[in-house]
C-alpha atoms as a PDB file:
ATOM      1  CA  UNK A   1      10.657 -12.390  18.253  1.00  0.00           C
ATOM      2  CA  UNK A   2      11.070 -12.551  14.481  1.00  0.00           C
ATOM      3  CA  UNK A   3       7.408 -13.479  14.014  1.00  0.00           C
ATOM      4  CA  UNK A   4       6.329 -10.489  16.067  1.00  0.00           C
ATOM      5  CA  UNK A   5       8.530  -8.104  14.073  1.00  0.00           C
ATOM      6  CA  UNK A   6       7.315  -9.591  10.806  1.00  0.00           C
ATOM      7  CA  UNK A   7       3.714  -9.151  11.902  1.00  0.00           C
ATOM      8  CA  UNK A   8       4.270  -5.522  12.893  1.00  0.00           C
ATOM      9  CA  UNK A   9       6.168  -4.819   9.675  1.00  0.00           C
ATOM     10  CA  UNK A  10       3.426  -6.344   7.517  1.00  0.00           C
ATOM     11  CA  UNK A  11       0.752  -4.303   9.345  1.00  0.00           C
ATOM     12  CA  UNK A  12       2.700  -1.089   8.785  1.00  0.00           C
ATOM     13  CA  UNK A  13       3.191  -1.889   5.106  1.00  0.00           C
ATOM     14  CA  UNK A  14      -0.495  -2.753   4.739  1.00  0.00           C
ATOM     15  CA  UNK A  15      -1.411   0.599   6.276  1.00  0.00           C
ATOM     16  CA  UNK A  16       0.921   2.445   3.913  1.00  0.00           C
ATOM     17  CA  UNK A  17      -0.501   0.608   0.891  1.00  0.00           C
ATOM     18  CA  UNK A  18      -4.052   1.381   2.017  1.00  0.00           C
ATOM     19  CA  UNK A  19      -3.160   5.051   2.444  1.00  0.00           C
ATOM     20  CA  UNK A  20      -1.640   5.171  -1.046  1.00  0.00           C
ATOM     21  CA  UNK A  21      -4.764   3.528  -2.460  1.00  0.00           C
ATOM     22  CA  UNK A  22      -6.971   6.072  -0.690  1.00  0.00           C
ATOM     23  CA  UNK A  23      -4.889   8.997  -1.988  1.00  0.00           C
ATOM     24  CA  UNK A  24      -5.071   7.511  -5.487  1.00  0.00           C
ATOM     25  CA  UNK A  25      -8.860   7.228  -5.399  1.00  0.00           C
ATOM     26  CA  UNK A  26      -9.248  10.773  -4.069  1.00  0.00           C
ATOM     27  CA  UNK A  27      -6.869  12.108  -6.734  1.00  0.00           C
ATOM     28  CA  UNK A  28      -8.829  10.363  -9.515  1.00  0.00           C
ATOM     29  CA  UNK A  29     -12.079  11.837  -8.204  1.00  0.00           C
ATOM     30  CA  UNK A  30     -10.520  15.307  -7.957  1.00  0.00           C
ATOM     31  CA  UNK A  31      -9.205  15.074 -11.514  1.00  0.00           C
ATOM     32  CA  UNK A  32     -12.767  14.500 -12.734  1.00  0.00           C
ATOM     33  CA  UNK A  33     -13.557  18.019 -11.518  1.00  0.00           C
ATOM     34  CA  UNK A  34     -10.325  19.517 -12.834  1.00  0.00           C
ATOM     35  CA  UNK A  35      -8.519  19.782  -9.508  1.00  0.00           C
ATOM     36  CA  UNK A  36      -5.400  18.040  -8.296  1.00  0.00           C
ATOM     37  CA  UNK A  37      -3.111  17.739  -5.296  1.00  0.00           C
ATOM     38  CA  UNK A  38      -0.268  20.179  -5.903  1.00  0.00           C
ATOM     39  CA  UNK A  39       2.035  18.450  -3.408  1.00  0.00           C
ATOM     40  CA  UNK A  40       1.732  15.067  -5.105  1.00  0.00           C
ATOM     41  CA  UNK A  41       4.718  14.424  -7.408  1.00  0.00           C
ATOM     42  CA  UNK A  42       3.290  11.244  -9.018  1.00  0.00           C
ATOM     43  CA  UNK A  43       0.319  10.448 -11.201  1.00  0.00           C
ATOM     44  CA  UNK A  44      -2.458   8.370  -9.619  1.00  0.00           C
ATOM     45  CA  UNK A  45      -1.532   5.356 -11.747  1.00  0.00           C
ATOM     46  CA  UNK A  46       2.013   5.422 -10.423  1.00  0.00           C
ATOM     47  CA  UNK A  47       0.740   5.599  -6.832  1.00  0.00           C
ATOM     48  CA  UNK A  48      -1.455   2.600  -7.551  1.00  0.00           C
ATOM     49  CA  UNK A  49       1.633   0.719  -8.758  1.00  0.00           C
ATOM     50  CA  UNK A  50       3.464   1.537  -5.527  1.00  0.00           C
ATOM     51  CA  UNK A  51       0.486   0.312  -3.501  1.00  0.00           C
ATOM     52  CA  UNK A  52       0.391  -2.923  -5.528  1.00  0.00           C
ATOM     53  CA  UNK A  53       4.124  -3.546  -4.991  1.00  0.00           C
ATOM     54  CA  UNK A  54       3.742  -3.063  -1.263  1.00  0.00           C
ATOM     55  CA  UNK A  55       0.692  -5.338  -1.141  1.00  0.00           C
ATOM     56  CA  UNK A  56       2.587  -8.093  -2.958  1.00  0.00           C
ATOM     57  CA  UNK A  57       5.316  -7.837  -0.343  1.00  0.00           C
ATOM     58  CA  UNK A  58       2.704  -8.032   2.451  1.00  0.00           C
ATOM     59  CA  UNK A  59       1.154 -11.128   0.863  1.00  0.00           C
ATOM     60  CA  UNK A  60       4.574 -12.788   0.702  1.00  0.00           C
ATOM     61  CA  UNK A  61       5.153 -12.033   4.379  1.00  0.00           C
ATOM     62  CA  UNK A  62       1.756 -13.463   5.309  1.00  0.00           C
ATOM     63  CA  UNK A  63       2.339 -16.620   3.261  1.00  0.00           C
ATOM     64  CA  UNK A  64       5.708 -17.031   4.987  1.00  0.00           C
ATOM     65  CA  UNK A  65       4.009 -16.785   8.388  1.00  0.00           C
ATOM     66  CA  UNK A  66       1.422 -19.378   7.347  1.00  0.00           C
ATOM     67  CA  UNK A  67       4.156 -21.732   6.169  1.00  0.00           C
ATOM     68  CA  UNK A  68       6.020 -21.393   9.461  1.00  0.00           C
ATOM     69  CA  UNK A  69       2.856 -22.234  11.434  1.00  0.00           C
ATOM     70  CA  UNK A  70       2.375 -25.485   9.526  1.00  0.00           C
END
């Protein structure tokens, strides 16, 4: 049961990190043309940091699952 919840949780976090990365890339491209997302309270670099923190957490969860399988 715990392995299943961990797997679901890591997939959700991976999806969130991927979405943040996508928003960051789009924001950087928009800023090249002088536009920006008005609803976005953070700079693209800060969003990239959030995505990196989440990805580190996902990697830790995956390494924990690998260790439990061995």
